[in-house]
Amino acid sequence: MSTLYRANWTGPPVKRSDGWRLEKTIAGRPRHAVCELWVRSSRFELRLVTDGGEFQRSQVCRSKDEMLTVVTEWRAAMTAKGWA
């Protein structure tokens, strides 16, 4: 993943990787949450998705530094709610 985005790219968003994956047992069954990294033209989109592909949150970031900050903040918030 050496190139995260392309300056002249106008295509649809493309999933590149996961920022993290966490798990929590709810009502006796394991649930999963994933922070997905999608690449858009000159921007990054982070999507917090739970089991079944349910969106919980989405944010567009304009720089790599902003994207890394948001990934870290979201993980800390989920960890504080008991996800590991």
PDB file of N, CA and C in Angstrom:
ATOM      1  N   MET A   1       0.837  -1.169   0.000  1.00  0.00           N
ATOM      2  CA  MET A   1       0.000   0.000   0.000  1.00  0.00           C
ATOM      3  C   MET A   1       0.887   1.238   0.000  1.00  0.00           C
ATOM      4  N   SER A   2       1.729   1.380  -0.984  1.00  0.00           N
ATOM      5  CA  SER A   2       2.627   2.520  -1.041  1.00  0.00           C
ATOM      6  C   SER A   2       1.934   3.780  -1.531  1.00  0.00           C
ATOM      7  N   THR A   3       0.944   3.650  -2.415  1.00  0.00           N
ATOM      8  CA  THR A   3       0.203   4.806  -2.906  1.00  0.00           C
ATOM      9  C   THR A   3      -1.216   4.737  -2.369  1.00  0.00           C
ATOM     10  N   LEU A   4      -1.576   5.685  -1.519  1.00  0.00           N
ATOM     11  CA  LEU A   4      -2.893   5.655  -0.911  1.00  0.00           C
ATOM     12  C   LEU A   4      -3.939   6.349  -1.771  1.00  0.00           C
ATOM     13  N   TYR A   5      -3.536   7.353  -2.543  1.00  0.00           N
ATOM     14  CA  TYR A   5      -4.497   8.014  -3.410  1.00  0.00           C
ATOM     15  C   TYR A   5      -3.788   8.590  -4.625  1.00  0.00           C
ATOM     16  N   ARG A   6      -4.573   8.927  -5.639  1.00  0.00           N
ATOM     17  CA  ARG A   6      -4.036   9.483  -6.871  1.00  0.00           C
ATOM     18  C   ARG A   6      -4.681  10.839  -7.111  1.00  0.00           C
ATOM     19  N   ALA A   7      -3.863  11.850  -7.371  1.00  0.00           N
ATOM     20  CA  ALA A   7      -4.347  13.223  -7.489  1.00  0.00           C
ATOM     21  C   ALA A   7      -5.366  13.402  -8.611  1.00  0.00           C
ATOM     22  N   ASN A   8      -5.234  12.698  -9.722  1.00  0.00           N
ATOM     23  CA  ASN A   8      -6.125  12.892 -10.863  1.00  0.00           C
ATOM     24  C   ASN A   8      -7.198  11.818 -10.990  1.00  0.00           C
ATOM     25  N   TRP A   9      -7.382  11.038  -9.967  1.00  0.00           N
ATOM     26  CA  TRP A   9      -8.327   9.923  -9.999  1.00  0.00           C
ATOM     27  C   TRP A   9      -9.743  10.436  -9.782  1.00  0.00           C
ATOM     28  N   THR A  10     -10.659  10.062 -10.649  1.00  0.00           N
ATOM     29  CA  THR A  10     -12.055  10.490 -10.511  1.00  0.00           C
ATOM     30  C   THR A  10     -13.000   9.299 -10.397  1.00  0.00           C
ATOM     31  N   GLY A  11     -12.464   8.124 -10.192  1.00  0.00           N
ATOM     32  CA  GLY A  11     -13.284   6.918 -10.112  1.00  0.00           C
ATOM     33  C   GLY A  11     -14.007   6.788  -8.782  1.00  0.00           C
ATOM     34  N   PRO A  12     -14.724   5.685  -8.611  1.00  0.00           N
ATOM     35  CA  PRO A  12     -15.460   5.445  -7.364  1.00  0.00           C
ATOM     36  C   PRO A  12     -14.496   5.120  -6.218  1.00  0.00           C
ATOM     37  N   PRO A  13     -14.955   5.237  -4.969  1.00  0.00           N
ATOM     38  CA  PRO A  13     -14.105   4.874  -3.825  1.00  0.00           C
ATOM     39  C   PRO A  13     -13.693   3.404  -3.908  1.00  0.00           C
ATOM     40  N   VAL A  14     -12.488   3.118  -3.446  1.00  0.00           N
ATOM     41  CA  VAL A  14     -11.953   1.761  -3.456  1.00  0.00           C
ATOM     42  C   VAL A  14     -11.480   1.415  -2.045  1.00  0.00           C
ATOM     43  N   LYS A  15     -11.894   0.251  -1.533  1.00  0.00           N
ATOM     44  CA  LYS A  15     -11.450  -0.177  -0.211  1.00  0.00           C
ATOM     45  C   LYS A  15      -9.992  -0.607  -0.294  1.00  0.00           C
ATOM     46  N   ARG A  16      -9.167  -0.061   0.609  1.00  0.00           N
ATOM     47  CA  ARG A  16      -7.744  -0.384   0.620  1.00  0.00           C
ATOM     48  C   ARG A  16      -7.364  -1.331   1.746  1.00  0.00           C
ATOM     49  N   SER A  17      -7.837  -1.081   2.955  1.00  0.00           N
ATOM     50  CA  SER A  17      -7.423  -1.910   4.087  1.00  0.00           C
ATOM     51  C   SER A  17      -8.336  -1.630   5.279  1.00  0.00           C
ATOM     52  N   ASP A  18      -8.025  -2.279   6.383  1.00  0.00           N
ATOM     53  CA  ASP A  18      -8.726  -2.026   7.635  1.00  0.00           C
ATOM     54  C   ASP A  18      -7.777  -1.313   8.584  1.00  0.00           C
ATOM     55  N   GLY A  19      -8.278  -0.268   9.240  1.00  0.00           N
ATOM     56  CA  GLY A  19      -7.475   0.433  10.242  1.00  0.00           C
ATOM     57  C   GLY A  19      -7.317  -0.417  11.488  1.00  0.00           C
ATOM     58  N   TRP A  20      -8.404  -1.095  11.864  1.00  0.00           N
ATOM     59  CA  TRP A  20      -8.397  -2.025  12.992  1.00  0.00           C
ATOM     60  C   TRP A  20      -9.668  -2.854  12.971  1.00  0.00           C
ATOM     61  N   ARG A  21      -9.641  -3.951  13.753  1.00  0.00           N
ATOM     62  CA  ARG A  21     -10.807  -4.820  13.949  1.00  0.00           C
ATOM     63  C   ARG A  21     -10.912  -5.069  15.447  1.00  0.00           C
ATOM     64  N   LEU A  22     -12.114  -4.907  15.974  1.00  0.00           N
ATOM     65  CA  LEU A  22     -12.345  -5.141  17.396  1.00  0.00           C
ATOM     66  C   LEU A  22     -13.523  -6.094  17.581  1.00  0.00           C
ATOM     67  N   GLU A  23     -13.599  -6.715  18.757  1.00  0.00           N
ATOM     68  CA  GLU A  23     -14.660  -7.679  19.046  1.00  0.00           C
ATOM     69  C   GLU A  23     -15.231  -7.397  20.432  1.00  0.00           C
ATOM     70  N   LYS A  24     -16.521  -7.699  20.586  1.00  0.00           N
ATOM     71  CA  LYS A  24     -17.194  -7.562  21.876  1.00  0.00           C
ATOM     72  C   LYS A  24     -18.333  -8.571  21.913  1.00  0.00           C
ATOM     73  N   THR A  25     -18.526  -9.209  23.055  1.00  0.00           N
ATOM     74  CA  THR A  25     -19.640 -10.139  23.208  1.00  0.00           C
ATOM     75  C   THR A  25     -20.870  -9.357  23.667  1.00  0.00           C
ATOM     76  N   ILE A  26     -21.932  -9.451  22.874  1.00  0.00           N
ATOM     77  CA  ILE A  26     -23.189  -8.770  23.189  1.00  0.00           C
ATOM     78  C   ILE A  26     -24.294  -9.821  23.168  1.00  0.00           C
ATOM     79  N   ALA A  27     -25.044  -9.894  24.255  1.00  0.00           N
ATOM     80  CA  ALA A  27     -26.134 -10.870  24.386  1.00  0.00           C
ATOM     81  C   ALA A  27     -25.650 -12.292  24.107  1.00  0.00           C
ATOM     82  N   GLY A  28     -24.451 -12.594  24.588  1.00  0.00           N
ATOM     83  CA  GLY A  28     -23.926 -13.944  24.477  1.00  0.00           C
ATOM     84  C   GLY A  28     -23.328 -14.329  23.130  1.00  0.00           C
ATOM     85  N   ARG A  29     -23.252 -13.390  22.196  1.00  0.00           N
ATOM     86  CA  ARG A  29     -22.639 -13.735  20.906  1.00  0.00           C
ATOM     87  C   ARG A  29     -21.594 -12.688  20.522  1.00  0.00           C
ATOM     88  N   PRO A  30     -20.516 -13.139  19.889  1.00  0.00           N
ATOM     89  CA  PRO A  30     -19.456 -12.200  19.513  1.00  0.00           C
ATOM     90  C   PRO A  30     -19.901 -11.268  18.388  1.00  0.00           C
ATOM     91  N   ARG A  31     -19.577 -10.004  18.543  1.00  0.00           N
ATOM     92  CA  ARG A  31     -19.840  -9.001  17.511  1.00  0.00           C
ATOM     93  C   ARG A  31     -18.502  -8.405  17.082  1.00  0.00           C
ATOM     94  N   HIS A  32     -18.443  -7.923  15.866  1.00  0.00           N
ATOM     95  CA  HIS A  32     -17.204  -7.366  15.331  1.00  0.00           C
ATOM     96  C   HIS A  32     -17.442  -5.951  14.820  1.00  0.00           C
ATOM     97  N   ALA A  33     -16.437  -5.106  14.992  1.00  0.00           N
ATOM     98  CA  ALA A  33     -16.451  -3.749  14.458  1.00  0.00           C
ATOM     99  C   ALA A  33     -15.155  -3.555  13.685  1.00  0.00           C
ATOM    100  N   VAL A  34     -15.259  -2.931  12.528  1.00  0.00           N
ATOM    101  CA  VAL A  34     -14.102  -2.736  11.656  1.00  0.00           C
ATOM    102  C   VAL A  34     -14.036  -1.277  11.228  1.00  0.00           C
ATOM    103  N   CYS A  35     -12.852  -0.708  11.287  1.00  0.00           N
ATOM    104  CA  CYS A  35     -12.601   0.622  10.739  1.00  0.00           C
ATOM    105  C   CYS A  35     -11.989   0.408   9.357  1.00  0.00           C
ATOM    106  N   GLU A  36     -12.785   0.655   8.317  1.00  0.00           N
ATOM    107  CA  GLU A  36     -12.336   0.431   6.943  1.00  0.00           C
ATOM    108  C   GLU A  36     -11.757   1.712   6.350  1.00  0.00           C
ATOM    109  N   LEU A  37     -10.694   1.574   5.574  1.00  0.00           N
ATOM    110  CA  LEU A  37     -10.093   2.700   4.862  1.00  0.00           C
ATOM    111  C   LEU A  37     -10.464   2.597   3.393  1.00  0.00           C
ATOM    112  N   TRP A  38     -11.165   3.604   2.907  1.00  0.00           N
ATOM    113  CA  TRP A  38     -11.530   3.707   1.499  1.00  0.00           C
ATOM    114  C   TRP A  38     -10.794   4.893   0.907  1.00  0.00           C
ATOM    115  N   VAL A  39     -10.346   4.747  -0.328  1.00  0.00           N
ATOM    116  CA  VAL A  39      -9.625   5.825  -1.005  1.00  0.00           C
ATOM    117  C   VAL A  39     -10.540   6.454  -2.036  1.00  0.00           C
ATOM    118  N   ARG A  40     -10.608   7.777  -1.998  1.00  0.00           N
ATOM    119  CA  ARG A  40     -11.383   8.559  -2.952  1.00  0.00           C
ATOM    120  C   ARG A  40     -10.392   9.476  -3.673  1.00  0.00           C
ATOM    121  N   SER A  41     -10.839  10.212  -4.630  1.00  0.00           N
ATOM    122  CA  SER A  41      -9.931  11.117  -5.335  1.00  0.00           C
ATOM    123  C   SER A  41      -9.360  12.138  -4.355  1.00  0.00           C
ATOM    124  N   SER A  42      -8.085  12.047  -4.101  1.00  0.00           N
ATOM    125  CA  SER A  42      -7.299  12.936  -3.229  1.00  0.00           C
ATOM    126  C   SER A  42      -7.796  13.004  -1.786  1.00  0.00           C
ATOM    127  N   ARG A  43      -8.621  12.066  -1.369  1.00  0.00           N
ATOM    128  CA  ARG A  43      -9.113  12.035   0.007  1.00  0.00           C
ATOM    129  C   ARG A  43      -9.196  10.600   0.495  1.00  0.00           C
ATOM    130  N   PHE A  44      -9.319  10.464   1.797  1.00  0.00           N
ATOM    131  CA  PHE A  44      -9.530   9.179   2.434  1.00  0.00           C
ATOM    132  C   PHE A  44     -10.911   9.184   3.061  1.00  0.00           C
ATOM    133  N   GLU A  45     -11.577   8.036   3.052  1.00  0.00           N
ATOM    134  CA  GLU A  45     -12.844   7.912   3.761  1.00  0.00           C
ATOM    135  C   GLU A  45     -12.717   6.770   4.750  1.00  0.00           C
ATOM    136  N   LEU A  46     -13.030   7.043   5.998  1.00  0.00           N
ATOM    137  CA  LEU A  46     -13.044   6.015   7.029  1.00  0.00           C
ATOM    138  C   LEU A  46     -14.486   5.631   7.296  1.00  0.00           C
ATOM    139  N   ARG A  47     -14.718   4.327   7.407  1.00  0.00           N
ATOM    140  CA  ARG A  47     -16.064   3.824   7.686  1.00  0.00           C
ATOM    141  C   ARG A  47     -15.988   2.869   8.866  1.00  0.00           C
ATOM    142  N   LEU A  48     -16.804   3.123   9.870  1.00  0.00           N
ATOM    143  CA  LEU A  48     -16.923   2.217  11.005  1.00  0.00           C
ATOM    144  C   LEU A  48     -18.108   1.315  10.710  1.00  0.00           C
ATOM    145  N   VAL A  49     -17.826   0.020  10.557  1.00  0.00           N
ATOM    146  CA  VAL A  49     -18.830  -0.951  10.141  1.00  0.00           C
ATOM    147  C   VAL A  49     -18.894  -2.069  11.179  1.00  0.00           C
ATOM    148  N   THR A  50     -20.128  -2.503  11.508  1.00  0.00           N
ATOM    149  CA  THR A  50     -20.289  -3.634  12.418  1.00  0.00           C
ATOM    150  C   THR A  50     -20.800  -4.837  11.637  1.00  0.00           C
ATOM    151  N   ASP A  51     -21.016  -5.945  12.338  1.00  0.00           N
ATOM    152  CA  ASP A  51     -21.484  -7.183  11.703  1.00  0.00           C
ATOM    153  C   ASP A  51     -22.617  -6.913  10.718  1.00  0.00           C
ATOM    154  N   GLY A  52     -22.583  -7.593   9.620  1.00  0.00           N
ATOM    155  CA  GLY A  52     -23.634  -7.434   8.623  1.00  0.00           C
ATOM    156  C   GLY A  52     -23.454  -6.218   7.738  1.00  0.00           C
ATOM    157  N   GLY A  53     -22.328  -5.524   7.864  1.00  0.00           N
ATOM    158  CA  GLY A  53     -22.072  -4.371   7.021  1.00  0.00           C
ATOM    159  C   GLY A  53     -22.834  -3.121   7.418  1.00  0.00           C
ATOM    160  N   GLU A  54     -23.296  -3.048   8.653  1.00  0.00           N
ATOM    161  CA  GLU A  54     -24.055  -1.897   9.122  1.00  0.00           C
ATOM    162  C   GLU A  54     -23.120  -0.712   9.390  1.00  0.00           C
ATOM    163  N   PHE A  55     -23.359   0.405   8.698  1.00  0.00           N
ATOM    164  CA  PHE A  55     -22.578   1.612   8.946  1.00  0.00           C
ATOM    165  C   PHE A  55     -22.924   2.181  10.308  1.00  0.00           C
ATOM    166  N   GLN A  56     -21.922   2.537  11.057  1.00  0.00           N
ATOM    167  CA  GLN A  56     -22.123   3.220  12.317  1.00  0.00           C
ATOM    168  C   GLN A  56     -21.662   4.675  12.209  1.00  0.00           C
ATOM    169  N   ARG A  57     -20.655   4.880  11.350  1.00  0.00           N
ATOM    170  CA  ARG A  57     -20.058   6.202  11.243  1.00  0.00           C
ATOM    171  C   ARG A  57     -19.202   6.257   9.992  1.00  0.00           C
ATOM    172  N   SER A  58     -19.051   7.463   9.426  1.00  0.00           N
ATOM    173  CA  SER A  58     -18.203   7.658   8.255  1.00  0.00           C
ATOM    174  C   SER A  58     -17.597   9.052   8.338  1.00  0.00           C
ATOM    175  N   GLN A  59     -16.353   9.179   7.876  1.00  0.00           N
ATOM    176  CA  GLN A  59     -15.715  10.493   7.864  1.00  0.00           C
ATOM    177  C   GLN A  59     -14.719  10.567   6.711  1.00  0.00           C
ATOM    178  N   VAL A  60     -14.750  11.685   5.993  1.00  0.00           N
ATOM    179  CA  VAL A  60     -13.790  11.931   4.922  1.00  0.00           C
ATOM    180  C   VAL A  60     -12.645  12.749   5.504  1.00  0.00           C
ATOM    181  N   CYS A  61     -11.417  12.316   5.218  1.00  0.00           N
ATOM    182  CA  CYS A  61     -10.215  12.998   5.700  1.00  0.00           C
ATOM    183  C   CYS A  61      -9.420  13.508   4.500  1.00  0.00           C
ATOM    184  N   ARG A  62      -8.878  14.691   4.619  1.00  0.00           N
ATOM    185  CA  ARG A  62      -8.172  15.306   3.496  1.00  0.00           C
ATOM    186  C   ARG A  62      -6.676  15.021   3.490  1.00  0.00           C
ATOM    187  N   SER A  63      -6.132  14.487   4.580  1.00  0.00           N
ATOM    188  CA  SER A  63      -4.698  14.198   4.624  1.00  0.00           C
ATOM    189  C   SER A  63      -4.448  12.876   5.342  1.00  0.00           C
ATOM    190  N   LYS A  64      -3.269  12.339   5.128  1.00  0.00           N
ATOM    191  CA  LYS A  64      -2.889  11.093   5.791  1.00  0.00           C
ATOM    192  C   LYS A  64      -2.822  11.297   7.307  1.00  0.00           C
ATOM    193  N   ASP A  65      -2.292  12.446   7.737  1.00  0.00           N
ATOM    194  CA  ASP A  65      -2.202  12.724   9.175  1.00  0.00           C
ATOM    195  C   ASP A  65      -3.585  12.781   9.819  1.00  0.00           C
ATOM    196  N   GLU A  66      -4.536  13.445   9.166  1.00  0.00           N
ATOM    197  CA  GLU A  66      -5.892  13.514   9.692  1.00  0.00           C
ATOM    198  C   GLU A  66      -6.510  12.115   9.767  1.00  0.00           C
ATOM    199  N   MET A  67      -6.288  11.316   8.721  1.00  0.00           N
ATOM    200  CA  MET A  67      -6.827   9.957   8.688  1.00  0.00           C
ATOM    201  C   MET A  67      -6.269   9.125   9.843  1.00  0.00           C
ATOM    202  N   LEU A  68      -4.962   9.198  10.086  1.00  0.00           N
ATOM    203  CA  LEU A  68      -4.353   8.427  11.170  1.00  0.00           C
ATOM    204  C   LEU A  68      -4.869   8.884  12.536  1.00  0.00           C
ATOM    205  N   THR A  69      -5.097  10.185  12.691  1.00  0.00           N
ATOM    206  CA  THR A  69      -5.644  10.713  13.941  1.00  0.00           C
ATOM    207  C   THR A  69      -7.047  10.177  14.190  1.00  0.00           C
ATOM    208  N   VAL A  70      -7.888  10.194  13.174  1.00  0.00           N
ATOM    209  CA  VAL A  70      -9.269   9.711  13.315  1.00  0.00           C
ATOM    210  C   VAL A  70      -9.293   8.212  13.625  1.00  0.00           C
ATOM    211  N   VAL A  71      -8.461   7.424  12.948  1.00  0.00           N
ATOM    212  CA  VAL A  71      -8.384   5.981  13.220  1.00  0.00           C
ATOM    213  C   VAL A  71      -8.058   5.747  14.692  1.00  0.00           C
ATOM    214  N   THR A  72      -7.096   6.486  15.205  1.00  0.00           N
ATOM    215  CA  THR A  72      -6.682   6.339  16.601  1.00  0.00           C
ATOM    216  C   THR A  72      -7.795   6.772  17.555  1.00  0.00           C
ATOM    217  N   GLU A  73      -8.455   7.889  17.255  1.00  0.00           N
ATOM    218  CA  GLU A  73      -9.538   8.383  18.114  1.00  0.00           C
ATOM    219  C   GLU A  73     -10.714   7.412  18.147  1.00  0.00           C
ATOM    220  N   TRP A  74     -11.104   6.891  16.974  1.00  0.00           N
ATOM    221  CA  TRP A  74     -12.222   5.951  16.929  1.00  0.00           C
ATOM    222  C   TRP A  74     -11.904   4.690  17.719  1.00  0.00           C
ATOM    223  N   ARG A  75     -10.674   4.185  17.584  1.00  0.00           N
ATOM    224  CA  ARG A  75     -10.297   2.969  18.325  1.00  0.00           C
ATOM    225  C   ARG A  75     -10.356   3.222  19.830  1.00  0.00           C
ATOM    226  N   ALA A  76      -9.862   4.362  20.267  1.00  0.00           N
ATOM    227  CA  ALA A  76      -9.884   4.691  21.686  1.00  0.00           C
ATOM    228  C   ALA A  76     -11.318   4.775  22.203  1.00  0.00           C
ATOM    229  N   ALA A  77     -12.211   5.372  21.417  1.00  0.00           N
ATOM    230  CA  ALA A  77     -13.623   5.471  21.811  1.00  0.00           C
ATOM    231  C   ALA A  77     -14.273   4.097  21.900  1.00  0.00           C
ATOM    232  N   MET A  78     -13.987   3.221  20.948  1.00  0.00           N
ATOM    233  CA  MET A  78     -14.561   1.871  20.968  1.00  0.00           C
ATOM    234  C   MET A  78     -13.992   1.065  22.139  1.00  0.00           C
ATOM    235  N   THR A  79     -12.704   1.184  22.406  1.00  0.00           N
ATOM    236  CA  THR A  79     -12.067   0.481  23.515  1.00  0.00           C
ATOM    237  C   THR A  79     -12.681   0.928  24.840  1.00  0.00           C
ATOM    238  N   ALA A  80     -12.969   2.227  24.965  1.00  0.00           N
ATOM    239  CA  ALA A  80     -13.584   2.747  26.179  1.00  0.00           C
ATOM    240  C   ALA A  80     -14.984   2.189  26.399  1.00  0.00           C
ATOM    241  N   LYS A  81     -15.615   1.719  25.318  1.00  0.00           N
ATOM    242  CA  LYS A  81     -16.967   1.122  25.411  1.00  0.00           C
ATOM    243  C   LYS A  81     -16.912  -0.394  25.554  1.00  0.00           C
ATOM    244  N   GLY A  82     -15.706  -0.950  25.777  1.00  0.00           N
ATOM    245  CA  GLY A  82     -15.592  -2.382  26.052  1.00  0.00           C
ATOM    246  C   GLY A  82     -15.213  -3.257  24.861  1.00  0.00           C
ATOM    247  N   TRP A  83     -14.936  -2.654  23.723  1.00  0.00           N
ATOM    248  CA  TRP A  83     -14.488  -3.424  22.556  1.00  0.00           C
ATOM    249  C   TRP A  83     -13.002  -3.696  22.714  1.00  0.00           C
ATOM    250  N   ALA A  84     -12.569  -4.890  22.290  1.00  0.00           N
ATOM    251  CA  ALA A  84     -11.148  -5.249  22.405  1.00  0.00           C
ATOM    252  C   ALA A  84     -10.680  -5.981  21.167  1.00  0.00           C
TER     253      ALA A  84
END
